[in-house]
Every structure is written in structure tokens, then in C-alpha cells.
Protein backbone atom coordinates (compact mmCIF):
# COMPACT_ATOMS: atom_id res chain seq x y z
CA UNK A 1 0.00 0.00 0.00
CA UNK A 2 1.10 3.54 -0.70
CA UNK A 3 1.70 5.85 2.26
CA UNK A 4 -1.21 8.16 3.02
CA UNK A 5 -0.57 10.35 6.05
CA UNK A 6 -3.90 11.31 7.61
CA UNK A 7 -4.11 12.66 11.15
CA UNK A 8 -4.85 16.24 12.12
CA UNK A 9 -2.37 15.96 14.98
CA UNK A 10 0.13 13.75 13.16
CA UNK A 11 3.66 14.82 12.38
CA UNK A 12 5.72 12.48 10.20
CA UNK A 13 9.42 13.00 9.58
CA UNK A 14 11.63 11.14 7.13
CA UNK A 15 14.72 10.43 9.22
CA UNK A 16 16.83 9.29 6.26
CA UNK A 17 16.30 8.13 2.71
CA UNK A 18 12.83 6.97 1.69
CA UNK A 19 11.93 4.84 -1.34
CA UNK A 20 8.24 4.56 -2.26
CA UNK A 21 7.03 2.67 -5.34
CA UNK A 22 4.23 5.18 -5.94
CA UNK A 23 2.78 8.44 -4.65
CA UNK A 24 3.13 9.93 -1.19
CA UNK A 25 -0.10 11.67 -0.12
CA UNK A 26 -0.47 13.88 2.94
CA UNK A 27 -4.19 14.19 3.76
CA UNK A 28 -3.92 15.86 7.18
CA UNK A 29 -1.10 16.71 9.51
CA UNK A 30 2.51 17.60 8.80
CA UNK A 31 5.06 15.78 6.68
CA UNK A 32 8.72 16.73 7.15
CA UNK A 33 10.87 15.55 4.26
CA UNK A 34 14.07 15.85 6.28
CA UNK A 35 17.50 16.02 4.67
CA UNK A 36 17.77 12.69 2.86
CA UNK A 37 16.65 11.51 -0.57
CA UNK A 38 13.03 10.62 -1.25
CA UNK A 39 12.20 8.57 -4.35
CA UNK A 40 8.50 8.47 -5.29
CA UNK A 41 6.21 8.95 -8.25
CA UNK A 42 4.80 12.20 -6.82
CA UNK A 43 4.32 13.98 -3.47
CA UNK A 44 1.06 15.77 -2.84
CA UNK A 45 -1.98 16.47 -0.74
CA UNK A 46 -5.57 15.24 -0.66
CA UNK A 47 -8.25 17.04 -2.65
CA UNK A 48 -10.80 17.54 0.12
CA UNK A 49 -9.05 18.16 3.40
CA UNK A 50 -7.19 21.06 4.93
CA UNK A 51 -4.86 21.41 7.88
CA UNK A 52 -2.00 19.94 5.88
CA UNK A 53 1.63 21.06 5.82
CA UNK A 54 4.45 19.66 3.73
CA UNK A 55 7.91 20.80 4.84
CA UNK A 56 10.39 19.93 2.11
CA UNK A 57 13.34 20.95 4.31
CA UNK A 58 16.67 20.22 2.56
CA UNK A 59 15.57 16.92 1.00
CA UNK A 60 16.26 15.78 -2.53
CA UNK A 61 12.98 14.51 -3.94
CA UNK A 62 13.09 12.42 -7.11
CA UNK A 63 9.66 12.15 -8.77
CA UNK A 64 9.38 9.54 -11.52
CA UNK A 65 5.87 10.66 -12.54
CA UNK A 66 7.16 14.16 -13.38
CA UNK A 67 4.10 15.76 -11.81
CA UNK A 68 3.37 18.12 -8.96
CA UNK A 69 -0.30 18.75 -8.29
CA UNK A 70 -0.91 20.44 -4.98
CA UNK A 71 -4.66 20.87 -4.58
CA UNK A 72 -5.80 24.34 -3.48
CA UNK A 73 -7.52 23.26 -0.27
CA UNK A 74 -7.91 25.70 2.61
CA UNK A 75 -5.19 25.28 5.21
CA UNK A 76 -2.69 23.60 2.87
CA UNK A 77 0.89 24.90 3.03
CA UNK A 78 4.17 23.87 1.42
CA UNK A 79 7.37 25.18 2.97
CA UNK A 80 10.04 24.64 0.31
CA UNK A 81 13.10 24.99 2.53
CA UNK A 82 16.22 24.47 0.39
CA UNK A 83 14.92 21.28 -1.22
CA UNK A 84 15.76 19.98 -4.68
CA UNK A 85 12.94 18.38 -6.70
CA UNK A 86 14.02 16.32 -9.70
CA UNK A 87 11.65 15.04 -12.35
CA UNK A 88 13.42 11.77 -13.17
CA UNK A 89 11.12 10.41 -15.90
CA UNK A 90 11.88 11.39 -19.48
CA UNK A 91 9.65 13.82 -21.28
CA UNK A 92 8.98 17.02 -19.36
CA UNK A 93 6.40 17.32 -16.62
CA UNK A 94 3.50 19.20 -15.08
CA UNK A 95 3.77 21.69 -12.21
CA UNK A 96 0.49 22.83 -10.64
CA UNK A 97 1.00 24.43 -7.24
CA UNK A 98 -1.78 27.04 -7.00
CA UNK A 99 0.71 29.60 -5.77
CA UNK A 100 2.84 27.43 -3.46
CA UNK A 101 6.60 27.93 -3.83
CA UNK A 102 9.32 25.52 -4.93
CA UNK A 103 12.95 26.07 -3.99
CA UNK A 104 14.72 24.22 -6.79
CA UNK A 105 13.28 22.05 -9.57
CA UNK A 106 15.00 20.25 -12.45
CA UNK A 107 13.39 18.49 -15.40
CA UNK A 108 15.34 16.08 -17.59
CA UNK A 109 15.59 16.41 -21.31
CA UNK A 110 13.69 13.82 -23.28
CA UNK A 111 15.13 11.79 -26.16
CA UNK A 112 12.21 13.20 -28.18
CA UNK A 113 9.89 16.21 -27.99
CA UNK A 114 9.05 17.09 -24.41
CA UNK A 115 6.45 19.30 -22.76
CA UNK A 116 6.48 21.09 -19.43
CA UNK A 117 3.45 22.98 -18.11
CA UNK A 118 3.73 25.43 -15.20
CA UNK A 119 1.04 27.45 -13.40
CA UNK A 120 1.70 30.60 -11.33
CA UNK A 121 4.60 29.36 -9.24
CA UNK A 122 7.59 30.95 -7.52
CA UNK A 123 10.94 29.20 -7.78
CA UNK A 124 14.33 30.03 -6.38
CA UNK A 125 15.99 27.90 -9.09
CA UNK A 126 14.42 26.30 -12.16
CA UNK A 127 16.21 24.10 -14.70
CA UNK A 128 14.47 22.91 -17.86
CA UNK A 129 16.29 20.07 -19.63
CA UNK A 130 16.80 20.22 -23.38
CA UNK A 131 16.03 17.29 -25.67
CA UNK A 132 18.85 14.77 -25.81
CA UNK A 133 18.50 14.08 -29.55
CA UNK A 134 18.95 16.41 -32.50
CA UNK A 135 15.87 17.75 -34.25
CA UNK A 136 13.59 17.84 -31.19
CA UNK A 137 12.46 20.56 -28.80
CA UNK A 138 10.93 21.05 -25.36
CA UNK A 139 7.90 23.32 -25.07
CA UNK A 140 7.29 25.05 -21.73
CA UNK A 141 3.67 26.20 -21.50
CA UNK A 142 2.89 28.83 -18.86
CA UNK A 143 -0.67 29.12 -17.55
CA UNK A 144 0.32 32.03 -15.30
CA UNK A 145 3.28 34.24 -14.51
CA UNK A 146 6.23 32.58 -12.80
CA UNK A 147 8.92 34.06 -10.59
CA UNK A 148 12.49 32.79 -10.50
CA UNK A 149 14.43 34.66 -7.82
CA UNK A 150 17.68 32.72 -8.27
CA UNK A 151 18.76 30.95 -11.44
CA UNK A 152 16.69 30.00 -14.50
CA UNK A 153 18.53 27.49 -16.68
CA UNK A 154 17.02 26.52 -20.02
CA UNK A 155 19.90 25.67 -22.32
CA UNK A 156 19.14 24.18 -25.68
CA UNK A 157 22.12 22.27 -26.98
CA UNK A 158 22.36 22.96 -30.71
CA UNK A 159 20.35 24.99 -33.16
CA UNK A 160 17.96 22.09 -33.42
CA UNK A 161 17.58 21.12 -29.74
CA UNK A 162 15.65 24.09 -28.42
CA UNK A 163 13.48 25.04 -25.49
CA UNK A 164 10.40 27.13 -26.29
CA UNK A 165 8.38 29.15 -23.77
CA UNK A 166 4.77 30.00 -24.61
CA UNK A 167 1.49 31.06 -23.01
CA UNK A 168 -1.33 28.53 -22.69
CA UNK A 169 -3.68 31.15 -24.18
CA UNK A 170 -3.04 32.68 -27.60
CA UNK A 171 -2.72 36.47 -27.27
CA UNK A 172 -2.07 36.37 -23.50
CA UNK A 173 1.44 37.28 -22.45
CA UNK A 174 3.17 35.66 -19.50
CA UNK A 175 6.01 37.01 -17.41
CA UNK A 176 9.03 35.15 -16.07
């Protein structure tokens, strides 16, 4: 069974490395990621409950599903700490935080065309991986303005391995 943390008074802390063959869901209570490495498909919250806090601390979180979807429930908070989130599956990813912040996130380049979608999110550092094969590109679609207060890295690696940024709505500009 996949871990679902669900207790209004519960506080769970990863005291070292944590390997989960699926999603980690925090329904109620507080999850402290600690300072180790967490491998999972995704880390998120429940859609219907509040009173949930995810403290990412200084953990390295490797997400094989390449997806962050933090539901906008009342009383849900993510404290990014100095964590590093890595999307480890090939082919881009989806970042939907409803305004929660991420300290540092890296997506891998795909061996083919990749797509990354991002809503209104604040990052300290954001790295978008370029395609690993010639003749392909990665499209980053923004559904809101994003803030990068540290370093934005989006390096294409040849004239034909590019990274494109675009708005999700034709005629609507987005700001980075």
C-alpha cells in the first residue's frame, strides 16, 4: 500500500532516505521531508481536506511521474526549505501548485519532444532540460506568470535542440 498520512495531529518526519514505489499523499497533519533523498512517483496532498503542511526541508525529492499537483484546499501549506525536486522520468512534466513555492526544480531532457506545463509558481531555481536528440524541442507552457528569484537554466544544446516558452492562451502574455 502507498503511504497516506492522515491525522490532524500527526507529524511524520523522514529520518533518512525513503523509497516509495508510488505516490506519497499527505491528507492531514505535517510531513517533514528531512535532509535525505526521497524517491517516489509524486508527493502531494488530498483534494478535500485542509490542515495539511508539507515541509520539504533540505531533502532531494526524485519524482518519476514528473508531476506536482498540490490541490488548493484551505489550510494547505508547502514550505520549500532548500529542497531539490528532480523530475526523473523522461519527457517534461506538469507543475500545478496554485501559488505554493518551490525552492529548486529540475526536469530532464527527453530523447524526443518534451512538454512542461507550469502554473503561477515561484521558484528560487528552475532548470528545464533540453532534448537529448537532435531535431527535437521542449515546449514550456505557462498558464500564469512565474517568478524565478535565483537561477533560471534553459539551455538548448544545438540549433535544433531548443526550449520554447509560450502562453497557454493565444494572445495572453506571461512574465518570467
